[in-house]
Amino acid sequence: MKRKLLIVGITMNAAGSERSFLEFAENIDYSEWDVTLLLAKAAGEFMHLVPKQINVKEMDGGEIFLIDRSNAKKIIFNNYIKKNPLRVFPLGVSVLEILFSRGRKRTYAKNRLWLKVMKTMPKFTGEYDAAIAYWGDRTMFYTADKVNAKRKITWLHFDFNEPPREKKLYEKYFLKFDKVVTVSKRIEQTLVDEIPSISNIVMTVENFINEKKIRRLSEEECLLDGEKEAIKLLTVGRICEQKGYDMAMPAVKRLLDEGYNIKWYIIGQGEGEYYETLKRKVSADGALVKKVIFLGTTDNPYKYMRASDIYFQPSRHEGKPIAVEEAKILCKPIVVTAFTSAEEQLRSCALGAIVEISEDGIYGGLKTLIDDAEKRNLLVKTLNDEKAYTENSETVRNILT
């Protein structure tokens, strides 16, 4: 008889965690496991890519996983207060805590408010041999409190310290799991330094990469192929504050004002007011309007990577971004900001440029690489000589047992 595996996620939007999950799912032994994917909302551009062997279900009340600044009041009212008006009193205490705190304490208070609302969700029915909280923080809290499983694993795609997280709260939840998986040795070490009590359950599993598929899909034609004059810059990632587009935009404008013939192509889903503000700035600036191109989402970013000249990731913080790994496979000259795993990911600048997390850092890194064709060629050669990635179903087996 097959064992039962539950994987807890949020959506199947076109983003890094979702792409990581899809590669993970390709390495599951479906003759051994009966797999259910539980999503807060069973929607997103990647829904059609979920393996057909996986049974997809949707959470009751999963809307609270989709909270952001624009919808928080409505979602909390519908999912928390409306069902029981007496909840307004403990909620009021949490709101006051948020209003009268700053910095880290405010971040902690917001997280505790979300957790308080999540605890009112019904438990997910059924018993499982193993459950994986694959999408990080919120799925970890939900899996710990709402899922019955003999074995629980939580996945961290992020740097524990960025944004700041409340150690006492996270330690309590981490200890409810049999394994805590990180995607980077550097992040594993940071996590153990912060919370030594979980050192015996933490392990690192690199993002699953299907090199053959990436190379095959990259051969498709795309609109970048028609651009022969400009140097083509590419960034892949959600269009949100974490990803640093607002720092990169003025850096790109400075290069354009200096006469550099460049175009910046952006692949990713736009998030709320941040995205709308960026688009307005581009539309209102004659120097940017035809030079910054939002391509939206796609299930094949690899054809754009292949056709680009430089891949750059201007993030404020990251775990270990899978898009950078994919750009490495396609041997692109790379510029990244100095997020936690950057040194590990680019082998201390042997595989690309690592710059300060600032407008000046991004500007300088791009300018140097654009000006130095010889350096770009050397990076391409070094990446070509790198050891190929391998698919590893054995790793999945080790995680689940």
Protein backbone atom coordinates (compact mmCIF):
# COMPACT_ATOMS: atom_id res chain seq x y z
CA MET A 1 0.00 0.00 0.00
CA LYS A 2 1.23 3.48 -0.85
CA ARG A 3 2.17 5.90 1.88
CA LYS A 4 0.38 9.25 2.03
CA LEU A 5 2.27 12.52 1.52
CA LEU A 6 0.79 16.00 1.98
CA ILE A 7 2.56 19.05 0.54
CA VAL A 8 1.29 22.40 1.83
CA GLY A 9 1.58 25.46 -0.40
CA ILE A 10 -0.08 28.80 -1.08
CA THR A 11 -0.70 29.25 -4.83
CA MET A 12 0.85 28.09 -8.09
CA ASN A 13 1.79 31.58 -9.24
CA ALA A 14 4.81 31.99 -11.48
CA ALA A 15 7.41 32.44 -8.73
CA GLY A 16 10.49 30.81 -7.26
CA SER A 17 8.92 28.60 -4.58
CA GLU A 18 6.42 27.27 -7.10
CA ARG A 19 9.15 26.48 -9.65
CA SER A 20 11.21 24.81 -6.94
CA PHE A 21 8.22 22.69 -5.94
CA LEU A 22 7.60 21.59 -9.53
CA GLU A 23 11.17 20.31 -9.84
CA PHE A 24 10.88 18.61 -6.43
CA ALA A 25 7.63 16.96 -7.57
CA GLU A 26 9.36 15.46 -10.61
CA ASN A 27 11.63 13.50 -8.28
CA ILE A 28 8.90 11.92 -6.12
CA ASP A 29 8.46 8.16 -6.50
CA TYR A 30 4.72 7.98 -7.21
CA SER A 31 4.74 4.19 -7.01
CA GLU A 32 5.60 4.64 -3.33
CA TRP A 33 3.68 7.80 -2.42
CA ASP A 34 0.07 8.93 -2.79
CA VAL A 35 0.55 12.72 -2.95
CA THR A 36 -1.84 15.55 -2.12
CA LEU A 37 -0.99 19.21 -2.74
CA LEU A 38 -2.95 21.47 -0.39
CA LEU A 39 -3.05 25.09 -1.54
CA ALA A 40 -4.48 28.21 0.06
CA LYS A 41 -5.86 28.94 -3.39
CA ALA A 42 -5.72 26.40 -6.21
CA ALA A 43 -4.85 28.95 -8.87
CA GLY A 44 -1.90 30.48 -10.66
CA GLU A 45 -0.02 30.42 -13.94
CA PHE A 46 1.75 27.16 -13.00
CA MET A 47 -1.37 25.15 -12.05
CA HIS A 48 -1.31 23.28 -15.35
CA LEU A 49 2.25 22.13 -14.65
CA VAL A 50 1.39 20.24 -11.45
CA PRO A 51 2.01 16.53 -12.14
CA LYS A 52 -1.20 14.66 -12.87
CA GLN A 53 -0.35 12.07 -10.21
CA ILE A 54 -0.90 14.75 -7.53
CA ASN A 55 -4.32 15.31 -6.01
CA VAL A 56 -4.86 19.07 -5.54
CA LYS A 57 -7.05 20.39 -2.72
CA GLU A 58 -7.85 23.87 -1.42
CA MET A 59 -7.82 25.02 2.20
CA ASP A 60 -11.00 26.07 3.98
CA GLY A 61 -10.36 29.74 4.75
CA GLY A 62 -7.10 29.84 2.84
CA GLU A 63 -7.76 33.44 1.82
CA ILE A 64 -5.79 34.64 4.85
CA PHE A 65 -2.59 33.34 3.22
CA LEU A 66 -3.11 36.01 0.54
CA ILE A 67 -3.18 38.98 2.91
CA ASP A 68 -1.36 42.14 1.86
CA ARG A 69 -1.70 45.84 2.65
CA SER A 70 -4.52 46.35 0.17
CA ASN A 71 -6.83 43.58 1.40
CA ALA A 72 -5.87 42.92 5.06
CA LYS A 73 -8.90 44.62 6.65
CA LYS A 74 -11.40 42.85 4.40
CA ILE A 75 -9.84 39.39 4.77
CA ILE A 76 -9.44 39.62 8.55
CA PHE A 77 -13.02 40.82 8.95
CA ASN A 78 -14.47 38.05 6.74
CA ASN A 79 -12.36 35.21 8.13
CA TYR A 80 -11.99 36.23 11.77
CA ILE A 81 -14.41 38.83 13.14
CA LYS A 82 -17.51 38.11 11.03
CA LYS A 83 -17.58 34.48 12.18
CA ASN A 84 -17.31 35.47 15.84
CA PRO A 85 -17.70 39.19 16.73
CA LEU A 86 -16.18 38.59 20.20
CA ARG A 87 -12.84 38.09 18.50
CA VAL A 88 -12.66 41.84 17.97
CA PHE A 89 -11.27 42.28 21.51
CA PRO A 90 -8.11 40.12 21.26
CA LEU A 91 -7.70 41.43 17.73
CA GLY A 92 -7.80 44.98 19.05
CA VAL A 93 -4.93 44.22 21.40
CA SER A 94 -2.84 42.96 18.47
CA VAL A 95 -3.69 45.99 16.34
CA LEU A 96 -2.63 48.34 19.13
CA GLU A 97 0.61 46.43 19.49
CA ILE A 98 1.29 47.01 15.78
CA LEU A 99 0.35 50.69 15.90
CA PHE A 100 2.56 51.49 18.90
CA SER A 101 5.65 49.54 17.87
CA ARG A 102 8.39 50.14 15.32
CA GLY A 103 11.03 48.22 13.41
CA ARG A 104 11.49 44.58 14.38
CA LYS A 105 8.80 44.71 17.06
CA ARG A 106 6.21 45.85 14.54
CA THR A 107 7.21 43.05 12.14
CA TYR A 108 6.88 40.55 15.00
CA ALA A 109 3.48 41.94 15.98
CA LYS A 110 2.15 41.67 12.42
CA ASN A 111 3.31 38.07 12.25
CA ARG A 112 1.63 37.22 15.57
CA LEU A 113 -1.61 38.83 14.35
CA TRP A 114 -1.55 36.67 11.23
CA LEU A 115 -0.86 33.60 13.37
CA LYS A 116 -3.80 34.45 15.64
CA VAL A 117 -6.14 34.58 12.63
CA MET A 118 -4.69 31.37 11.14
CA LYS A 119 -5.36 29.47 14.38
CA THR A 120 -9.11 29.94 13.82
CA MET A 121 -8.95 27.93 10.58
CA PRO A 122 -10.37 24.39 10.75
CA LYS A 123 -7.91 21.50 10.88
CA PHE A 124 -7.25 19.76 7.59
CA THR A 125 -8.91 16.37 7.63
CA GLY A 126 -7.00 13.16 7.09
CA GLU A 127 -3.87 11.51 8.42
CA TYR A 128 -0.61 11.40 6.51
CA ASP A 129 2.63 9.50 6.75
CA ALA A 130 4.54 12.69 5.94
CA ALA A 131 3.72 16.37 5.46
CA ILE A 132 5.92 19.05 3.92
CA ALA A 133 5.43 22.77 4.49
CA TYR A 134 7.05 23.71 1.21
CA TRP A 135 6.23 27.42 0.85
CA GLY A 136 7.99 28.62 4.01
CA ASP A 137 6.78 30.58 7.05
CA ARG A 138 3.01 30.56 6.82
CA THR A 139 2.80 27.03 5.52
CA MET A 140 5.06 25.98 8.41
CA PHE A 141 2.70 27.48 10.99
CA TYR A 142 -0.32 25.89 9.30
CA THR A 143 1.29 22.45 8.94
CA ALA A 144 2.37 22.45 12.58
CA ASP A 145 -1.07 23.42 13.93
CA LYS A 146 -3.58 22.10 11.40
CA VAL A 147 -2.17 18.92 9.84
CA ASN A 148 -2.02 15.38 11.23
CA ALA A 149 1.11 13.58 10.02
CA LYS A 150 3.55 11.07 11.45
CA ARG A 151 6.48 13.02 10.06
CA LYS A 152 6.69 16.75 9.34
CA ILE A 153 9.25 18.64 7.27
CA THR A 154 9.43 22.39 6.75
CA TRP A 155 11.27 24.07 3.88
CA LEU A 156 13.05 27.43 4.17
CA HIS A 157 13.63 29.26 0.88
CA PHE A 158 14.61 32.42 2.75
CA ASP A 159 17.32 34.00 4.87
CA PHE A 160 16.08 33.70 8.47
CA ASN A 161 17.23 37.24 9.36
CA GLU A 162 15.75 39.03 6.34
CA PRO A 163 13.16 40.23 7.06
CA PRO A 164 13.65 39.87 10.85
CA ARG A 165 11.91 36.94 12.50
CA GLU A 166 11.05 36.40 16.16
CA LYS A 167 13.47 33.73 17.40
CA LYS A 168 11.40 32.49 20.34
CA LEU A 169 8.30 31.99 18.15
CA TYR A 170 10.18 30.31 15.32
CA GLU A 171 12.14 28.05 17.65
CA LYS A 172 8.86 26.81 19.14
CA TYR A 173 7.53 25.96 15.67
CA PHE A 174 10.75 24.54 14.22
CA LEU A 175 10.87 22.04 17.09
CA LYS A 176 7.47 20.68 16.01
CA PHE A 177 9.14 19.34 12.84
CA ASP A 178 11.33 16.32 12.20
CA LYS A 179 13.44 18.17 9.62
CA VAL A 180 14.07 21.80 8.73
CA VAL A 181 15.36 22.04 5.16
CA THR A 182 17.29 25.06 3.90
CA VAL A 183 18.43 25.70 0.31
CA SER A 184 21.89 27.01 1.16
CA LYS A 185 24.75 25.99 3.47
CA ARG A 186 25.23 29.65 4.37
CA ILE A 187 21.58 29.97 5.37
CA GLU A 188 21.79 26.71 7.34
CA GLN A 189 24.73 28.07 9.31
CA THR A 190 22.96 31.39 9.96
CA LEU A 191 19.89 29.54 11.20
CA VAL A 192 21.86 27.28 13.53
CA ASP A 193 23.79 30.27 14.89
CA GLU A 194 20.50 31.99 15.70
CA ILE A 195 18.69 28.90 17.07
CA PRO A 196 21.24 26.28 18.23
CA SER A 197 18.52 24.01 19.67
CA ILE A 198 17.48 22.90 16.16
CA SER A 199 20.97 22.05 14.88
CA ASN A 200 20.27 18.31 14.85
CA ILE A 201 17.22 18.62 12.57
CA VAL A 202 18.49 21.20 10.04
CA MET A 203 19.76 20.06 6.65
CA THR A 204 20.56 21.72 3.32
CA VAL A 205 19.05 20.56 0.04
CA GLU A 206 20.00 22.55 -3.02
CA ASN A 207 17.16 23.65 -5.30
CA PHE A 208 16.29 20.87 -7.71
CA ILE A 209 17.43 21.82 -11.20
CA ASN A 210 16.50 20.00 -14.41
CA GLU A 211 19.35 21.06 -16.67
CA LYS A 212 18.17 19.14 -19.74
CA LYS A 213 14.71 20.70 -19.57
CA ILE A 214 16.10 24.22 -19.11
CA ARG A 215 18.41 23.86 -22.11
CA ARG A 216 15.63 22.38 -24.25
CA LEU A 217 13.12 25.13 -23.41
CA SER A 218 15.75 27.83 -23.88
CA GLU A 219 15.98 26.95 -27.58
CA GLU A 220 12.52 28.36 -28.29
CA GLU A 221 12.37 31.72 -30.06
CA CYS A 222 11.42 34.88 -28.16
CA LEU A 223 11.08 38.60 -28.80
CA LEU A 224 14.59 39.28 -27.47
CA ASP A 225 15.97 37.47 -30.51
CA GLY A 226 14.90 40.40 -32.66
CA GLU A 227 16.93 42.90 -30.63
CA LYS A 228 20.37 43.06 -32.26
CA GLU A 229 21.71 46.47 -31.18
CA ALA A 230 21.05 46.97 -27.47
CA ILE A 231 22.67 45.05 -24.62
CA LYS A 232 19.82 43.02 -23.14
CA LEU A 233 19.52 42.90 -19.36
CA LEU A 234 17.13 40.39 -17.78
CA THR A 235 15.66 39.98 -14.30
CA VAL A 236 13.25 37.20 -13.27
CA GLY A 237 11.27 37.50 -10.04
CA ARG A 238 8.13 38.82 -8.40
CA ILE A 239 7.87 42.58 -8.77
CA CYS A 240 7.91 43.51 -5.10
CA GLU A 241 10.07 45.48 -2.67
CA GLN A 242 12.18 42.46 -1.67
CA LYS A 243 13.44 42.10 -5.24
CA GLY A 244 14.87 45.62 -5.35
CA TYR A 245 13.46 46.89 -8.64
CA ASP A 246 13.13 50.38 -7.15
CA MET A 247 16.90 50.41 -6.51
CA ALA A 248 17.70 49.02 -9.95
CA MET A 249 15.45 51.42 -11.89
CA PRO A 250 17.48 54.60 -11.17
CA ALA A 251 20.71 52.64 -11.77
CA VAL A 252 19.47 51.65 -15.23
CA LYS A 253 18.35 55.23 -15.90
CA ARG A 254 21.83 56.53 -15.05
CA LEU A 255 23.34 54.16 -17.60
CA LEU A 256 20.83 55.26 -20.22
CA ASP A 257 21.51 58.94 -19.48
CA GLU A 258 25.21 58.24 -20.00
CA GLY A 259 24.47 56.93 -23.49
CA TYR A 260 24.56 53.16 -22.92
CA ASN A 261 22.39 51.30 -25.41
CA ILE A 262 20.65 48.88 -23.06
CA LYS A 263 17.21 47.39 -22.60
CA TRP A 264 16.00 45.89 -19.33
CA TYR A 265 13.50 43.03 -19.64
CA ILE A 266 11.58 42.01 -16.50
CA ILE A 267 9.75 38.70 -16.06
CA GLY A 268 7.52 38.39 -13.01
CA GLN A 269 4.15 38.96 -11.42
CA GLY A 270 3.50 42.51 -10.26
CA GLU A 271 2.40 42.99 -6.66
CA GLY A 272 0.01 45.79 -5.70
CA GLU A 273 0.93 49.43 -5.37
CA TYR A 274 4.67 48.74 -5.60
CA TYR A 275 4.24 47.41 -9.14
CA GLU A 276 1.85 50.16 -10.16
CA THR A 277 4.28 52.82 -8.90
CA LEU A 278 7.14 51.30 -10.92
CA LYS A 279 5.04 51.21 -14.07
CA ARG A 280 3.99 54.84 -13.60
CA LYS A 281 7.62 55.91 -13.21
CA VAL A 282 8.59 54.09 -16.39
CA SER A 283 5.65 55.50 -18.37
CA ALA A 284 6.40 59.06 -17.23
CA ASP A 285 10.11 58.96 -18.08
CA GLY A 286 11.06 59.33 -21.72
CA ALA A 287 14.45 57.71 -21.09
CA LEU A 288 12.85 54.57 -19.63
CA VAL A 289 9.59 54.12 -21.49
CA LYS A 290 11.03 52.13 -24.40
CA LYS A 291 13.98 50.70 -22.50
CA VAL A 292 12.29 48.94 -19.57
CA ILE A 293 9.97 46.19 -20.74
CA PHE A 294 7.64 44.29 -18.39
CA LEU A 295 7.07 40.86 -19.93
CA GLY A 296 4.61 39.58 -17.33
CA THR A 297 4.70 35.94 -16.25
CA THR A 298 5.68 32.90 -18.28
CA ASP A 299 6.28 29.21 -17.67
CA ASN A 300 9.36 29.45 -19.92
CA PRO A 301 11.73 32.20 -18.79
CA TYR A 302 14.66 30.21 -20.19
CA LYS A 303 14.28 31.37 -23.80
CA TYR A 304 14.60 34.95 -22.53
CA MET A 305 17.63 34.04 -20.42
CA ARG A 306 19.31 32.40 -23.39
CA ALA A 307 18.72 35.50 -25.54
CA SER A 308 19.85 38.01 -22.89
CA ASP A 309 23.37 39.41 -22.51
CA ILE A 310 23.45 39.93 -18.73
CA TYR A 311 21.28 38.44 -16.00
CA PHE A 312 20.97 40.55 -12.86
CA GLN A 313 19.22 40.08 -9.52
CA PRO A 314 18.99 43.36 -7.55
CA SER A 315 17.37 41.87 -4.42
CA ARG A 316 17.40 43.31 -0.91
CA HIS A 317 17.38 39.79 0.53
CA GLU A 318 17.08 36.24 -0.78
CA GLY A 319 17.35 32.61 0.18
CA LYS A 320 19.11 31.11 -2.80
CA PRO A 321 17.26 32.35 -5.88
CA ILE A 322 16.55 29.60 -8.37
CA ALA A 323 16.60 32.06 -11.30
CA VAL A 324 20.29 32.71 -10.67
CA GLU A 325 20.97 28.96 -10.77
CA GLU A 326 19.11 28.76 -14.07
CA ALA A 327 21.09 31.68 -15.49
CA LYS A 328 24.27 29.82 -14.50
CA ILE A 329 23.14 26.77 -16.47
CA LEU A 330 22.63 28.97 -19.53
CA CYS A 331 26.09 30.52 -19.01
CA LYS A 332 24.96 34.12 -18.65
CA PRO A 333 27.21 36.84 -17.19
CA ILE A 334 25.53 37.57 -13.84
CA VAL A 335 25.29 40.55 -11.48
CA VAL A 336 23.67 40.01 -8.06
CA THR A 337 23.46 42.08 -4.90
CA ALA A 338 25.18 40.80 -1.76
CA PHE A 339 22.30 38.80 -0.26
CA THR A 340 23.21 36.06 2.23
CA SER A 341 23.90 33.19 -0.17
CA ALA A 342 25.44 35.27 -3.00
CA GLU A 343 29.05 34.31 -2.20
CA GLU A 344 28.09 30.63 -2.09
CA GLN A 345 25.98 30.86 -5.23
CA LEU A 346 28.60 32.63 -7.35
CA ARG A 347 31.65 31.01 -5.73
CA SER A 348 33.02 34.27 -4.33
CA CYS A 349 32.60 36.12 -7.66
CA ALA A 350 34.17 33.37 -9.79
CA LEU A 351 30.81 32.89 -11.54
CA GLY A 352 29.54 36.47 -11.56
CA ALA A 353 29.69 39.90 -9.94
CA ILE A 354 28.43 40.52 -6.40
CA VAL A 355 27.67 44.17 -5.61
CA GLU A 356 26.50 46.30 -2.71
CA ILE A 357 22.75 46.28 -2.04
CA SER A 358 22.20 49.84 -3.26
CA GLU A 359 21.53 51.89 -6.37
CA ASP A 360 25.25 52.74 -6.61
CA GLY A 361 26.24 49.11 -6.23
CA ILE A 362 23.88 47.97 -8.98
CA TYR A 363 24.94 50.82 -11.27
CA GLY A 364 28.63 50.08 -10.79
CA GLY A 365 28.25 46.33 -11.27
CA LEU A 366 26.26 46.68 -14.47
CA LYS A 367 28.53 49.40 -15.86
CA THR A 368 31.67 47.33 -15.21
CA LEU A 369 30.27 44.24 -16.88
CA ILE A 370 28.84 46.16 -19.85
CA ASP A 371 32.18 47.91 -20.42
CA ASP A 372 34.31 44.78 -20.06
CA ALA A 373 33.48 42.32 -22.86
CA GLU A 374 36.54 40.28 -21.97
CA LYS A 375 35.25 39.74 -18.43
CA ARG A 376 31.85 38.72 -19.75
CA ASN A 377 33.49 36.17 -22.06
CA LEU A 378 35.57 34.81 -19.18
CA LEU A 379 32.45 34.34 -17.04
CA VAL A 380 30.73 32.50 -19.88
CA LYS A 381 33.74 30.21 -20.28
CA THR A 382 33.93 29.52 -16.52
CA LEU A 383 30.21 28.70 -16.37
CA ASN A 384 30.57 26.40 -19.38
CA ASP A 385 33.24 24.48 -17.49
CA GLU A 386 31.07 24.06 -14.38
CA LYS A 387 29.87 20.59 -13.37
CA ALA A 388 26.42 19.83 -14.74
CA TYR A 389 23.45 19.63 -12.40
CA THR A 390 21.85 16.25 -11.79
CA GLU A 391 18.33 15.27 -10.85
CA ASN A 392 18.32 13.43 -7.55
CA SER A 393 15.31 11.36 -6.57
CA GLU A 394 17.44 9.78 -3.84
CA THR A 395 17.52 13.15 -2.07
CA VAL A 396 13.73 13.21 -1.93
CA ARG A 397 13.71 9.70 -0.47
CA ASN A 398 16.17 10.74 2.24
CA ILE A 399 14.07 13.76 3.18
CA LEU A 400 10.88 11.75 3.55
CA THR A 401 12.34 8.90 5.60
